[in-house]
Amino acid sequence: MANISEVDYFARLVEALEPWLDRVVIVGGWAQRLYRLHPLAQPLDYEPLGTFDADVAIPLDLHSTGEEIRERLFAREFREELMGDTQPPAAHYRVQSGDNSFYAEFLTPLEGNEVKRGGKREGLD
């Protein structure tokens, strides 16, 4: 397979998210990289923050389109990696082929009572 860049992987992620692009926000290192592409962006003499992941912030009330983000990611050669012993576990979506350093992570507000997923009360360290 031809050498695929992380920009190509990011493009696959955006294609998978197309039905929800009006409701999701790219945050973190990829946001910094994207800002630099805007025609009014000030040129900078240093490289943007580099991260292996693309963080996608999604609202709790993400509308249904009849499709699931997970299935759209699978159709674009992402695989799901579940991590940790919390419920639900953390999930990364990593590209199956090529350089496996790129992955997507979805962030959403945690709702519920004052007890966090790890069993600690909110506000206590």
PDB file of N, CA and C in Angstrom:
ATOM      1  N   MET A   1       0.841  -1.171   0.000  1.00  0.00           N
ATOM      2  CA  MET A   1       0.000   0.000   0.000  1.00  0.00           C
ATOM      3  C   MET A   1       0.887   1.235   0.000  1.00  0.00           C
ATOM      4  N   ALA A   2       0.474   2.271  -0.676  1.00  0.00           N
ATOM      5  CA  ALA A   2       1.239   3.518  -0.746  1.00  0.00           C
ATOM      6  C   ALA A   2       1.333   4.146   0.641  1.00  0.00           C
ATOM      7  N   ASN A   3       2.374   4.936   0.869  1.00  0.00           N
ATOM      8  CA  ASN A   3       2.553   5.615   2.132  1.00  0.00           C
ATOM      9  C   ASN A   3       1.439   6.643   2.320  1.00  0.00           C
ATOM     10  N   ILE A   4       0.657   6.463   3.358  1.00  0.00           N
ATOM     11  CA  ILE A   4      -0.462   7.357   3.629  1.00  0.00           C
ATOM     12  C   ILE A   4      -0.070   8.271   4.774  1.00  0.00           C
ATOM     13  N   SER A   5      -0.293   9.560   4.620  1.00  0.00           N
ATOM     14  CA  SER A   5       0.088  10.510   5.653  1.00  0.00           C
ATOM     15  C   SER A   5      -1.014  10.642   6.696  1.00  0.00           C
ATOM     16  N   GLU A   6      -0.650  11.223   7.829  1.00  0.00           N
ATOM     17  CA  GLU A   6      -1.647  11.444   8.873  1.00  0.00           C
ATOM     18  C   GLU A   6      -2.733  12.405   8.406  1.00  0.00           C
ATOM     19  N   VAL A   7      -2.440  13.264   7.450  1.00  0.00           N
ATOM     20  CA  VAL A   7      -3.468  14.146   6.889  1.00  0.00           C
ATOM     21  C   VAL A   7      -4.513  13.317   6.149  1.00  0.00           C
ATOM     22  N   ASP A   8      -4.061  12.281   5.452  1.00  0.00           N
ATOM     23  CA  ASP A   8      -5.002  11.379   4.778  1.00  0.00           C
ATOM     24  C   ASP A   8      -5.877  10.643   5.793  1.00  0.00           C
ATOM     25  N   TYR A   9      -5.267  10.219   6.906  1.00  0.00           N
ATOM     26  CA  TYR A   9      -6.043   9.565   7.958  1.00  0.00           C
ATOM     27  C   TYR A   9      -7.065  10.534   8.540  1.00  0.00           C
ATOM     28  N   PHE A  10      -6.639  11.768   8.751  1.00  0.00           N
ATOM     29  CA  PHE A  10      -7.559  12.774   9.284  1.00  0.00           C
ATOM     30  C   PHE A  10      -8.711  13.002   8.304  1.00  0.00           C
ATOM     31  N   ALA A  11      -8.413  13.017   7.013  1.00  0.00           N
ATOM     32  CA  ALA A  11      -9.461  13.176   5.999  1.00  0.00           C
ATOM     33  C   ALA A  11     -10.467  12.034   6.072  1.00  0.00           C
ATOM     34  N   ARG A  12      -9.989  10.812   6.317  1.00  0.00           N
ATOM     35  CA  ARG A  12     -10.901   9.675   6.489  1.00  0.00           C
ATOM     36  C   ARG A  12     -11.819   9.892   7.681  1.00  0.00           C
ATOM     37  N   LEU A  13     -11.257  10.427   8.751  1.00  0.00           N
ATOM     38  CA  LEU A  13     -12.051  10.715   9.942  1.00  0.00           C
ATOM     39  C   LEU A  13     -13.134  11.740   9.625  1.00  0.00           C
ATOM     40  N   VAL A  14     -12.770  12.795   8.933  1.00  0.00           N
ATOM     41  CA  VAL A  14     -13.742  13.835   8.576  1.00  0.00           C
ATOM     42  C   VAL A  14     -14.839  13.255   7.680  1.00  0.00           C
ATOM     43  N   GLU A  15     -14.472  12.404   6.743  1.00  0.00           N
ATOM     44  CA  GLU A  15     -15.478  11.752   5.892  1.00  0.00           C
ATOM     45  C   GLU A  15     -16.445  10.918   6.735  1.00  0.00           C
ATOM     46  N   ALA A  16     -15.918  10.213   7.721  1.00  0.00           N
ATOM     47  CA  ALA A  16     -16.776   9.396   8.579  1.00  0.00           C
ATOM     48  C   ALA A  16     -17.736  10.263   9.384  1.00  0.00           C
ATOM     49  N   LEU A  17     -17.298  11.449   9.756  1.00  0.00           N
ATOM     50  CA  LEU A  17     -18.111  12.348  10.577  1.00  0.00           C
ATOM     51  C   LEU A  17     -19.015  13.265   9.778  1.00  0.00           C
ATOM     52  N   GLU A  18     -18.993  13.162   8.473  1.00  0.00           N
ATOM     53  CA  GLU A  18     -19.722  14.099   7.593  1.00  0.00           C
ATOM     54  C   GLU A  18     -21.169  14.363   8.015  1.00  0.00           C
ATOM     55  N   PRO A  19     -21.969  13.376   8.387  1.00  0.00           N
ATOM     56  CA  PRO A  19     -23.355  13.684   8.768  1.00  0.00           C
ATOM     57  C   PRO A  19     -23.477  14.550  10.025  1.00  0.00           C
ATOM     58  N   TRP A  20     -22.416  14.655  10.816  1.00  0.00           N
ATOM     59  CA  TRP A  20     -22.463  15.375  12.087  1.00  0.00           C
ATOM     60  C   TRP A  20     -21.509  16.571  12.128  1.00  0.00           C
ATOM     61  N   LEU A  21     -20.950  16.973  11.013  1.00  0.00           N
ATOM     62  CA  LEU A  21     -19.942  18.038  11.025  1.00  0.00           C
ATOM     63  C   LEU A  21     -20.467  19.363  11.559  1.00  0.00           C
ATOM     64  N   ASP A  22     -21.768  19.561  11.527  1.00  0.00           N
ATOM     65  CA  ASP A  22     -22.330  20.798  12.069  1.00  0.00           C
ATOM     66  C   ASP A  22     -22.454  20.754  13.590  1.00  0.00           C
ATOM     67  N   ARG A  23     -22.151  19.611  14.211  1.00  0.00           N
ATOM     68  CA  ARG A  23     -22.322  19.457  15.660  1.00  0.00           C
ATOM     69  C   ARG A  23     -21.053  19.045  16.397  1.00  0.00           C
ATOM     70  N   VAL A  24     -20.035  18.608  15.691  1.00  0.00           N
ATOM     71  CA  VAL A  24     -18.806  18.176  16.353  1.00  0.00           C
ATOM     72  C   VAL A  24     -17.728  19.245  16.195  1.00  0.00           C
ATOM     73  N   VAL A  25     -16.733  19.208  17.081  1.00  0.00           N
ATOM     74  CA  VAL A  25     -15.646  20.186  17.052  1.00  0.00           C
ATOM     75  C   VAL A  25     -14.325  19.435  17.174  1.00  0.00           C
ATOM     76  N   ILE A  26     -13.402  19.748  16.294  1.00  0.00           N
ATOM     77  CA  ILE A  26     -12.050  19.200  16.389  1.00  0.00           C
ATOM     78  C   ILE A  26     -11.300  20.063  17.396  1.00  0.00           C
ATOM     79  N   VAL A  27     -10.723  19.433  18.402  1.00  0.00           N
ATOM     80  CA  VAL A  27     -10.011  20.161  19.452  1.00  0.00           C
ATOM     81  C   VAL A  27      -8.600  19.601  19.581  1.00  0.00           C
ATOM     82  N   GLY A  28      -7.794  20.220  20.393  1.00  0.00           N
ATOM     83  CA  GLY A  28      -6.444  19.727  20.638  1.00  0.00           C
ATOM     84  C   GLY A  28      -5.476  20.088  19.521  1.00  0.00           C
ATOM     85  N   GLY A  29      -4.475  19.237  19.342  1.00  0.00           N
ATOM     86  CA  GLY A  29      -3.401  19.502  18.383  1.00  0.00           C
ATOM     87  C   GLY A  29      -3.879  19.671  16.955  1.00  0.00           C
ATOM     88  N   TRP A  30      -4.877  18.902  16.543  1.00  0.00           N
ATOM     89  CA  TRP A  30      -5.369  19.033  15.170  1.00  0.00           C
ATOM     90  C   TRP A  30      -6.058  20.374  14.953  1.00  0.00           C
ATOM     91  N   ALA A  31      -6.672  20.935  15.974  1.00  0.00           N
ATOM     92  CA  ALA A  31      -7.289  22.262  15.838  1.00  0.00           C
ATOM     93  C   ALA A  31      -6.210  23.293  15.512  1.00  0.00           C
ATOM     94  N   GLN A  32      -5.071  23.204  16.200  1.00  0.00           N
ATOM     95  CA  GLN A  32      -3.970  24.137  15.918  1.00  0.00           C
ATOM     96  C   GLN A  32      -3.475  23.991  14.486  1.00  0.00           C
ATOM     97  N   ARG A  33      -3.376  22.765  14.025  1.00  0.00           N
ATOM     98  CA  ARG A  33      -2.910  22.531  12.654  1.00  0.00           C
ATOM     99  C   ARG A  33      -3.897  23.100  11.643  1.00  0.00           C
ATOM    100  N   LEU A  34      -5.185  22.920  11.901  1.00  0.00           N
ATOM    101  CA  LEU A  34      -6.209  23.395  10.968  1.00  0.00           C
ATOM    102  C   LEU A  34      -6.284  24.915  10.931  1.00  0.00           C
ATOM    103  N   TYR A  35      -6.117  25.573  12.080  1.00  0.00           N
ATOM    104  CA  TYR A  35      -6.143  27.040  12.107  1.00  0.00           C
ATOM    105  C   TYR A  35      -5.110  27.623  11.161  1.00  0.00           C
ATOM    106  N   ARG A  36      -3.977  26.984  11.037  1.00  0.00           N
ATOM    107  CA  ARG A  36      -2.903  27.489  10.180  1.00  0.00           C
ATOM    108  C   ARG A  36      -3.254  27.454   8.696  1.00  0.00           C
ATOM    109  N   LEU A  37      -4.242  26.661   8.331  1.00  0.00           N
ATOM    110  CA  LEU A  37      -4.651  26.562   6.931  1.00  0.00           C
ATOM    111  C   LEU A  37      -5.615  27.662   6.504  1.00  0.00           C
ATOM    112  N   HIS A  38      -6.176  28.386   7.464  1.00  0.00           N
ATOM    113  CA  HIS A  38      -7.132  29.444   7.142  1.00  0.00           C
ATOM    114  C   HIS A  38      -6.412  30.571   6.403  1.00  0.00           C
ATOM    115  N   PRO A  39      -7.045  31.132   5.363  1.00  0.00           N
ATOM    116  CA  PRO A  39      -6.396  32.198   4.584  1.00  0.00           C
ATOM    117  C   PRO A  39      -5.986  33.416   5.413  1.00  0.00           C
ATOM    118  N   LEU A  40      -6.647  33.691   6.506  1.00  0.00           N
ATOM    119  CA  LEU A  40      -6.310  34.849   7.335  1.00  0.00           C
ATOM    120  C   LEU A  40      -5.359  34.507   8.487  1.00  0.00           C
ATOM    121  N   ALA A  41      -4.912  33.270   8.535  1.00  0.00           N
ATOM    122  CA  ALA A  41      -4.026  32.852   9.629  1.00  0.00           C
ATOM    123  C   ALA A  41      -2.682  33.544   9.522  1.00  0.00           C
ATOM    124  N   GLN A  42      -2.164  33.948  10.655  1.00  0.00           N
ATOM    125  CA  GLN A  42      -0.848  34.561  10.717  1.00  0.00           C
ATOM    126  C   GLN A  42       0.215  33.480  10.557  1.00  0.00           C
ATOM    127  N   PRO A  43       1.163  33.660   9.648  1.00  0.00           N
ATOM    128  CA  PRO A  43       2.237  32.664   9.514  1.00  0.00           C
ATOM    129  C   PRO A  43       3.078  32.623  10.788  1.00  0.00           C
ATOM    130  N   LEU A  44       3.444  31.431  11.205  1.00  0.00           N
ATOM    131  CA  LEU A  44       4.254  31.258  12.412  1.00  0.00           C
ATOM    132  C   LEU A  44       5.554  30.560  12.044  1.00  0.00           C
ATOM    133  N   ASP A  45       6.590  30.849  12.800  1.00  0.00           N
ATOM    134  CA  ASP A  45       7.918  30.306  12.516  1.00  0.00           C
ATOM    135  C   ASP A  45       8.172  28.953  13.163  1.00  0.00           C
ATOM    136  N   TYR A  46       7.180  28.366  13.780  1.00  0.00           N
ATOM    137  CA  TYR A  46       7.377  27.092  14.444  1.00  0.00           C
ATOM    138  C   TYR A  46       6.268  26.128  14.044  1.00  0.00           C
ATOM    139  N   GLU A  47       6.550  24.846  14.212  1.00  0.00           N
ATOM    140  CA  GLU A  47       5.590  23.808  13.863  1.00  0.00           C
ATOM    141  C   GLU A  47       4.453  23.768  14.886  1.00  0.00           C
ATOM    142  N   PRO A  48       3.265  23.375  14.451  1.00  0.00           N
ATOM    143  CA  PRO A  48       2.171  23.252  15.415  1.00  0.00           C
ATOM    144  C   PRO A  48       2.406  22.073  16.359  1.00  0.00           C
ATOM    145  N   LEU A  49       1.705  22.091  17.469  1.00  0.00           N
ATOM    146  CA  LEU A  49       1.765  20.997  18.420  1.00  0.00           C
ATOM    147  C   LEU A  49       1.463  19.693  17.706  1.00  0.00           C
ATOM    148  N   GLY A  50       2.313  18.713  17.876  1.00  0.00           N
ATOM    149  CA  GLY A  50       2.102  17.426  17.216  1.00  0.00           C
ATOM    150  C   GLY A  50       1.534  16.400  18.181  1.00  0.00           C
ATOM    151  N   THR A  51       0.440  15.772  17.807  1.00  0.00           N
ATOM    152  CA  THR A  51      -0.145  14.706  18.619  1.00  0.00           C
ATOM    153  C   THR A  51      -0.470  13.542  17.702  1.00  0.00           C
ATOM    154  N   PHE A  52      -0.559  12.360  18.280  1.00  0.00           N
ATOM    155  CA  PHE A  52      -0.899  11.180  17.494  1.00  0.00           C
ATOM    156  C   PHE A  52      -2.398  11.054  17.272  1.00  0.00           C
ATOM    157  N   ASP A  53      -3.167  11.731  18.114  1.00  0.00           N
ATOM    158  CA  ASP A  53      -4.615  11.552  18.049  1.00  0.00           C
ATOM    159  C   ASP A  53      -5.321  12.807  17.542  1.00  0.00           C
ATOM    160  N   ALA A  54      -6.509  12.566  17.042  1.00  0.00           N
ATOM    161  CA  ALA A  54      -7.415  13.651  16.686  1.00  0.00           C
ATOM    162  C   ALA A  54      -8.551  13.601  17.702  1.00  0.00           C
ATOM    163  N   ASP A  55      -8.674  14.658  18.493  1.00  0.00           N
ATOM    164  CA  ASP A  55      -9.719  14.723  19.506  1.00  0.00           C
ATOM    165  C   ASP A  55     -10.962  15.348  18.898  1.00  0.00           C
ATOM    166  N   VAL A  56     -12.092  14.673  19.067  1.00  0.00           N
ATOM    167  CA  VAL A  56     -13.361  15.146  18.524  1.00  0.00           C
ATOM    168  C   VAL A  56     -14.321  15.335  19.693  1.00  0.00           C
ATOM    169  N   ALA A  57     -14.724  16.584  19.931  1.00  0.00           N
ATOM    170  CA  ALA A  57     -15.694  16.875  20.987  1.00  0.00           C
ATOM    171  C   ALA A  57     -17.094  16.745  20.400  1.00  0.00           C
ATOM    172  N   ILE A  58     -17.918  15.950  21.074  1.00  0.00           N
ATOM    173  CA  ILE A  58     -19.290  15.752  20.607  1.00  0.00           C
ATOM    174  C   ILE A  58     -20.259  16.070  21.736  1.00  0.00           C
ATOM    175  N   PRO A  59     -21.421  16.618  21.400  1.00  0.00           N
ATOM    176  CA  PRO A  59     -22.405  16.929  22.444  1.00  0.00           C
ATOM    177  C   PRO A  59     -23.137  15.667  22.900  1.00  0.00           C
ATOM    178  N   LEU A  60     -23.677  15.729  24.103  1.00  0.00           N
ATOM    179  CA  LEU A  60     -24.451  14.593  24.614  1.00  0.00           C
ATOM    180  C   LEU A  60     -25.689  14.330  23.770  1.00  0.00           C
ATOM    181  N   ASP A  61     -26.262  15.388  23.207  1.00  0.00           N
ATOM    182  CA  ASP A  61     -27.511  15.246  22.450  1.00  0.00           C
ATOM    183  C   ASP A  61     -27.272  15.184  20.940  1.00  0.00           C
ATOM    184  N   LEU A  62     -26.209  14.513  20.522  1.00  0.00           N
ATOM    185  CA  LEU A  62     -25.911  14.391  19.094  1.00  0.00           C
ATOM    186  C   LEU A  62     -27.090  13.735  18.387  1.00  0.00           C
ATOM    187  N   HIS A  63     -27.610  14.410  17.368  1.00  0.00           N
ATOM    188  CA  HIS A  63     -28.817  13.927  16.687  1.00  0.00           C
ATOM    189  C   HIS A  63     -28.558  12.650  15.891  1.00  0.00           C
ATOM    190  N   SER A  64     -29.578  11.871  15.777  1.00  0.00           N
ATOM    191  CA  SER A  64     -29.495  10.616  15.036  1.00  0.00           C
ATOM    192  C   SER A  64     -29.703  10.884  13.549  1.00  0.00           C
ATOM    193  N   THR A  65     -28.893  10.227  12.743  1.00  0.00           N
ATOM    194  CA  THR A  65     -29.039  10.348  11.285  1.00  0.00           C
ATOM    195  C   THR A  65     -29.446   9.015  10.675  1.00  0.00           C
ATOM    196  N   GLY A  66     -29.649   8.018  11.516  1.00  0.00           N
ATOM    197  CA  GLY A  66     -29.909   6.667  11.014  1.00  0.00           C
ATOM    198  C   GLY A  66     -28.617   5.892  10.820  1.00  0.00           C
ATOM    199  N   GLU A  67     -27.495   6.569  11.002  1.00  0.00           N
ATOM    200  CA  GLU A  67     -26.183   5.935  10.903  1.00  0.00           C
ATOM    201  C   GLU A  67     -25.481   6.091  12.240  1.00  0.00           C
ATOM    202  N   GLU A  68     -24.470   5.274  12.459  1.00  0.00           N
ATOM    203  CA  GLU A  68     -23.667   5.385  13.668  1.00  0.00           C
ATOM    204  C   GLU A  68     -22.251   5.784  13.302  1.00  0.00           C
ATOM    205  N   ILE A  69     -21.674   6.647  14.119  1.00  0.00           N
ATOM    206  CA  ILE A  69     -20.293   7.063  13.894  1.00  0.00           C
ATOM    207  C   ILE A  69     -19.379   5.845  13.849  1.00  0.00           C
ATOM    208  N   ARG A  70     -19.574   4.942  14.788  1.00  0.00           N
ATOM    209  CA  ARG A  70     -18.729   3.743  14.880  1.00  0.00           C
ATOM    210  C   ARG A  70     -18.734   2.961  13.569  1.00  0.00           C
ATOM    211  N   GLU A  71     -19.901   2.745  12.999  1.00  0.00           N
ATOM    212  CA  GLU A  71     -20.002   1.988  11.751  1.00  0.00           C
ATOM    213  C   GLU A  71     -19.353   2.738  10.594  1.00  0.00           C
ATOM    214  N   ARG A  72     -19.505   4.044  10.575  1.00  0.00           N
ATOM    215  CA  ARG A  72     -18.871   4.842   9.510  1.00  0.00           C
ATOM    216  C   ARG A  72     -17.346   4.802   9.644  1.00  0.00           C
ATOM    217  N   LEU A  73     -16.841   4.773  10.867  1.00  0.00           N
ATOM    218  CA  LEU A  73     -15.398   4.639  11.071  1.00  0.00           C
ATOM    219  C   LEU A  73     -14.913   3.272  10.588  1.00  0.00           C
ATOM    220  N   PHE A  74     -15.646   2.215  10.939  1.00  0.00           N
ATOM    221  CA  PHE A  74     -15.275   0.874  10.489  1.00  0.00           C
ATOM    222  C   PHE A  74     -15.232   0.802   8.962  1.00  0.00           C
ATOM    223  N   ALA A  75     -16.164   1.458   8.295  1.00  0.00           N
ATOM    224  CA  ALA A  75     -16.220   1.441   6.828  1.00  0.00           C
ATOM    225  C   ALA A  75     -15.013   2.154   6.210  1.00  0.00           C
ATOM    226  N   ARG A  76     -14.323   2.983   6.999  1.00  0.00           N
ATOM    227  CA  ARG A  76     -13.146   3.707   6.507  1.00  0.00           C
ATOM    228  C   ARG A  76     -11.853   3.153   7.109  1.00  0.00           C
ATOM    229  N   GLU A  77     -11.894   1.872   7.466  1.00  0.00           N
ATOM    230  CA  GLU A  77     -10.738   1.113   7.929  1.00  0.00           C
ATOM    231  C   GLU A  77     -10.198   1.538   9.290  1.00  0.00           C
ATOM    232  N   PHE A  78     -11.062   2.056  10.155  1.00  0.00           N
ATOM    233  CA  PHE A  78     -10.671   2.286  11.544  1.00  0.00           C
ATOM    234  C   PHE A  78     -11.068   1.050  12.341  1.00  0.00           C
ATOM    235  N   ARG A  79     -10.305   0.759  13.381  1.00  0.00           N
ATOM    236  CA  ARG A  79     -10.678  -0.323  14.287  1.00  0.00           C
ATOM    237  C   ARG A  79     -10.812   0.261  15.693  1.00  0.00           C
ATOM    238  N   GLU A  80     -11.614  -0.369  16.479  1.00  0.00           N
ATOM    239  CA  GLU A  80     -11.899   0.105  17.828  1.00  0.00           C
ATOM    240  C   GLU A  80     -10.962  -0.560  18.822  1.00  0.00           C
ATOM    241  N   GLU A  81     -10.344   0.241  19.684  1.00  0.00           N
ATOM    242  CA  GLU A  81      -9.514  -0.267  20.772  1.00  0.00           C
ATOM    243  C   GLU A  81     -10.142   0.196  22.078  1.00  0.00           C
ATOM    244  N   LEU A  82     -10.630  -0.731  22.876  1.00  0.00           N
ATOM    245  CA  LEU A  82     -11.227  -0.402  24.166  1.00  0.00           C
ATOM    246  C   LEU A  82     -10.170  -0.545  25.243  1.00  0.00           C
ATOM    247  N   MET A  83     -10.083   0.451  26.141  1.00  0.00           N
ATOM    248  CA  MET A  83      -9.030   0.463  27.151  1.00  0.00           C
ATOM    249  C   MET A  83      -9.588   0.808  28.519  1.00  0.00           C
ATOM    250  N   GLY A  84      -8.945   0.289  29.526  1.00  0.00           N
ATOM    251  CA  GLY A  84      -9.289   0.606  30.901  1.00  0.00           C
ATOM    252  C   GLY A  84     -10.366  -0.297  31.455  1.00  0.00           C
ATOM    253  N   ASP A  85     -10.558  -0.184  32.750  1.00  0.00           N
ATOM    254  CA  ASP A  85     -11.573  -1.013  33.381  1.00  0.00           C
ATOM    255  C   ASP A  85     -12.752  -0.186  33.869  1.00  0.00           C
ATOM    256  N   THR A  86     -12.903   1.028  33.346  1.00  0.00           N
ATOM    257  CA  THR A  86     -14.071   1.832  33.662  1.00  0.00           C
ATOM    258  C   THR A  86     -15.224   1.403  32.772  1.00  0.00           C
ATOM    259  N   GLN A  87     -16.424   1.757  33.172  1.00  0.00           N
ATOM    260  CA  GLN A  87     -17.600   1.458  32.350  1.00  0.00           C
ATOM    261  C   GLN A  87     -18.309   2.761  32.029  1.00  0.00           C
ATOM    262  N   PRO A  88     -18.416   3.147  30.788  1.00  0.00           N
ATOM    263  CA  PRO A  88     -17.863   2.453  29.633  1.00  0.00           C
ATOM    264  C   PRO A  88     -16.353   2.664  29.542  1.00  0.00           C
ATOM    265  N   PRO A  89     -15.651   1.749  28.879  1.00  0.00           N
ATOM    266  CA  PRO A  89     -14.201   1.912  28.734  1.00  0.00           C
ATOM    267  C   PRO A  89     -13.874   3.046  27.759  1.00  0.00           C
ATOM    268  N   ALA A  90     -12.657   3.540  27.850  1.00  0.00           N
ATOM    269  CA  ALA A  90     -12.193   4.529  26.872  1.00  0.00           C
ATOM    270  C   ALA A  90     -12.017   3.819  25.536  1.00  0.00           C
ATOM    271  N   ALA A  91     -12.300   4.521  24.447  1.00  0.00           N
ATOM    272  CA  ALA A  91     -12.170   3.922  23.112  1.00  0.00           C
ATOM    273  C   ALA A  91     -11.314   4.813  22.227  1.00  0.00           C
ATOM    274  N   HIS A  92     -10.392   4.190  21.525  1.00  0.00           N
ATOM    275  CA  HIS A  92      -9.627   4.853  20.468  1.00  0.00           C
ATOM    276  C   HIS A  92     -10.013   4.188  19.165  1.00  0.00           C
ATOM    277  N   TYR A  93     -10.042   4.961  18.098  1.00  0.00           N
ATOM    278  CA  TYR A  93     -10.330   4.421  16.772  1.00  0.00           C
ATOM    279  C   TYR A  93      -9.092   4.644  15.933  1.00  0.00           C
ATOM    280  N   ARG A  94      -8.376   3.542  15.671  1.00  0.00           N
ATOM    281  CA  ARG A  94      -7.090   3.579  14.982  1.00  0.00           C
ATOM    282  C   ARG A  94      -7.248   3.042  13.571  1.00  0.00           C
ATOM    283  N   VAL A  95      -6.532   3.661  12.633  1.00  0.00           N
ATOM    284  CA  VAL A  95      -6.559   3.199  11.247  1.00  0.00           C
ATOM    285  C   VAL A  95      -5.925   1.816  11.187  1.00  0.00           C
ATOM    286  N   GLN A  96      -6.546   0.892  10.476  1.00  0.00           N
ATOM    287  CA  GLN A  96      -6.084  -0.496  10.434  1.00  0.00           C
ATOM    288  C   GLN A  96      -4.828  -0.692   9.603  1.00  0.00           C
ATOM    289  N   SER A  97      -4.643   0.103   8.581  1.00  0.00           N
ATOM    290  CA  SER A  97      -3.523  -0.126   7.679  1.00  0.00           C
ATOM    291  C   SER A  97      -2.499   0.996   7.793  1.00  0.00           C
ATOM    292  N   GLY A  98      -1.314   0.722   7.338  1.00  0.00           N
ATOM    293  CA  GLY A  98      -0.280   1.749   7.315  1.00  0.00           C
ATOM    294  C   GLY A  98       0.269   2.040   8.693  1.00  0.00           C
ATOM    295  N   ASP A  99       0.701   3.263   8.891  1.00  0.00           N
ATOM    296  CA  ASP A  99       1.268   3.711  10.155  1.00  0.00           C
ATOM    297  C   ASP A  99       0.143   3.825  11.178  1.00  0.00           C
ATOM    298  N   ASN A 100       0.202   3.039  12.220  1.00  0.00           N
ATOM    299  CA  ASN A 100      -0.876   3.000  13.196  1.00  0.00           C
ATOM    300  C   ASN A 100      -0.737   4.015  14.317  1.00  0.00           C
ATOM    301  N   SER A 101       0.035   5.085  14.136  1.00  0.00           N
ATOM    302  CA  SER A 101       0.161   6.071  15.197  1.00  0.00           C
ATOM    303  C   SER A 101      -1.043   7.006  15.244  1.00  0.00           C
ATOM    304  N   PHE A 102      -1.789   7.162  14.147  1.00  0.00           N
ATOM    305  CA  PHE A 102      -2.940   8.061  14.127  1.00  0.00           C
ATOM    306  C   PHE A 102      -4.170   7.356  14.696  1.00  0.00           C
ATOM    307  N   TYR A 103      -4.870   8.046  15.598  1.00  0.00           N
ATOM    308  CA  TYR A 103      -6.141   7.526  16.081  1.00  0.00           C
ATOM    309  C   TYR A 103      -7.071   8.680  16.450  1.00  0.00           C
ATOM    310  N   ALA A 104      -8.340   8.384  16.507  1.00  0.00           N
ATOM    311  CA  ALA A 104      -9.354   9.365  16.894  1.00  0.00           C
ATOM    312  C   ALA A 104      -9.871   9.019  18.272  1.00  0.00           C
ATOM    313  N   GLU A 105     -10.119  10.053  19.042  1.00  0.00           N
ATOM    314  CA  GLU A 105     -10.692   9.889  20.371  1.00  0.00           C
ATOM    315  C   GLU A 105     -11.858  10.856  20.484  1.00  0.00           C
ATOM    316  N   PHE A 106     -12.969  10.380  21.016  1.00  0.00           N
ATOM    317  CA  PHE A 106     -14.177  11.191  21.131  1.00  0.00           C
ATOM    318  C   PHE A 106     -14.363  11.628  22.576  1.00  0.00           C
ATOM    319  N   LEU A 107     -14.617  12.916  22.741  1.00  0.00           N
ATOM    320  CA  LEU A 107     -14.776  13.507  24.065  1.00  0.00           C
ATOM    321  C   LEU A 107     -16.191  14.044  24.190  1.00  0.00           C
ATOM    322  N   THR A 108     -16.814  13.787  25.314  1.00  0.00           N
ATOM    323  CA  THR A 108     -18.152  14.281  25.561  1.00  0.00           C
ATOM    324  C   THR A 108     -18.294  14.529  27.055  1.00  0.00           C
ATOM    325  N   PRO A 109     -19.171  15.442  27.453  1.00  0.00           N
ATOM    326  CA  PRO A 109     -19.354  15.683  28.893  1.00  0.00           C
ATOM    327  C   PRO A 109     -19.827  14.411  29.595  1.00  0.00           C
ATOM    328  N   LEU A 110     -19.327  14.203  30.797  1.00  0.00           N
ATOM    329  CA  LEU A 110     -19.748  13.060  31.602  1.00  0.00           C
ATOM    330  C   LEU A 110     -20.910  13.507  32.465  1.00  0.00           C
ATOM    331  N   GLU A 111     -22.043  12.875  32.294  1.00  0.00           N
ATOM    332  CA  GLU A 111     -23.229  13.195  33.071  1.00  0.00           C
ATOM    333  C   GLU A 111     -23.410  12.179  34.166  1.00  0.00           C
ATOM    334  N   GLY A 112     -24.103  12.565  35.204  1.00  0.00           N
ATOM    335  CA  GLY A 112     -24.416  11.613  36.251  1.00  0.00           C
ATOM    336  C   GLY A 112     -24.254  12.214  37.621  1.00  0.00           C
ATOM    337  N   ASN A 113     -24.142  11.355  38.622  1.00  0.00           N
ATOM    338  CA  ASN A 113     -24.043  11.833  39.988  1.00  0.00           C
ATOM    339  C   ASN A 113     -22.629  12.270  40.308  1.00  0.00           C
ATOM    340  N   GLU A 114     -22.389  12.530  41.593  1.00  0.00           N
ATOM    341  CA  GLU A 114     -21.090  13.070  41.981  1.00  0.00           C
ATOM    342  C   GLU A 114     -19.980  12.029  42.002  1.00  0.00           C
ATOM    343  N   VAL A 115     -20.287  10.776  41.743  1.00  0.00           N
ATOM    344  CA  VAL A 115     -19.264   9.729  41.726  1.00  0.00           C
ATOM    345  C   VAL A 115     -18.742   9.575  40.300  1.00  0.00           C
ATOM    346  N   LYS A 116     -17.432   9.704  40.149  1.00  0.00           N
ATOM    347  CA  LYS A 116     -16.802   9.580  38.837  1.00  0.00           C
ATOM    348  C   LYS A 116     -16.728   8.119  38.418  1.00  0.00           C
ATOM    349  N   ARG A 117     -16.364   7.874  37.161  1.00  0.00           N
ATOM    350  CA  ARG A 117     -16.255   6.503  36.660  1.00  0.00           C
ATOM    351  C   ARG A 117     -15.277   5.666  37.465  1.00  0.00           C
ATOM    352  N   GLY A 118     -14.214   6.275  37.973  1.00  0.00           N
ATOM    353  CA  GLY A 118     -13.223   5.535  38.752  1.00  0.00           C
ATOM    354  C   GLY A 118     -13.663   5.234  40.173  1.00  0.00           C
ATOM    355  N   GLY A 119     -14.858   5.701  40.569  1.00  0.00           N
ATOM    356  CA  GLY A 119     -15.386   5.424  41.898  1.00  0.00           C
ATOM    357  C   GLY A 119     -15.135   6.518  42.912  1.00  0.00           C
ATOM    358  N   LYS A 120     -14.410   7.600  42.537  1.00  0.00           N
ATOM    359  CA  LYS A 120     -14.144   8.702  43.461  1.00  0.00           C
ATOM    360  C   LYS A 120     -15.268   9.726  43.366  1.00  0.00           C
ATOM    361  N   ARG A 121     -15.503  10.404  44.493  1.00  0.00           N
ATOM    362  CA  ARG A 121     -16.516  11.457  44.501  1.00  0.00           C
ATOM    363  C   ARG A 121     -15.993  12.682  43.755  1.00  0.00           C
ATOM    364  N   GLU A 122     -16.857  13.364  43.040  1.00  0.00           N
ATOM    365  CA  GLU A 122     -16.530  14.588  42.310  1.00  0.00           C
ATOM    366  C   GLU A 122     -15.945  15.609  43.285  1.00  0.00           C
ATOM    367  N   GLY A 123     -14.838  16.253  42.885  1.00  0.00           N
ATOM    368  CA  GLY A 123     -14.232  17.290  43.698  1.00  0.00           C
ATOM    369  C   GLY A 123     -13.214  16.783  44.701  1.00  0.00           C
ATOM    370  N   LEU A 124     -13.056  15.486  44.823  1.00  0.00           N
ATOM    371  CA  LEU A 124     -12.065  14.924  45.744  1.00  0.00           C
ATOM    372  C   LEU A 124     -10.933  14.313  44.940  1.00  0.00           C
ATOM    373  N   ASP A 125      -9.720  14.542  45.383  1.00  0.00           N
ATOM    374  CA  ASP A 125      -8.563  13.975  44.685  1.00  0.00           C
ATOM    375  C   ASP A 125      -8.077  12.721  45.327  1.00  0.00           C
TER     376      ASP A 125
END
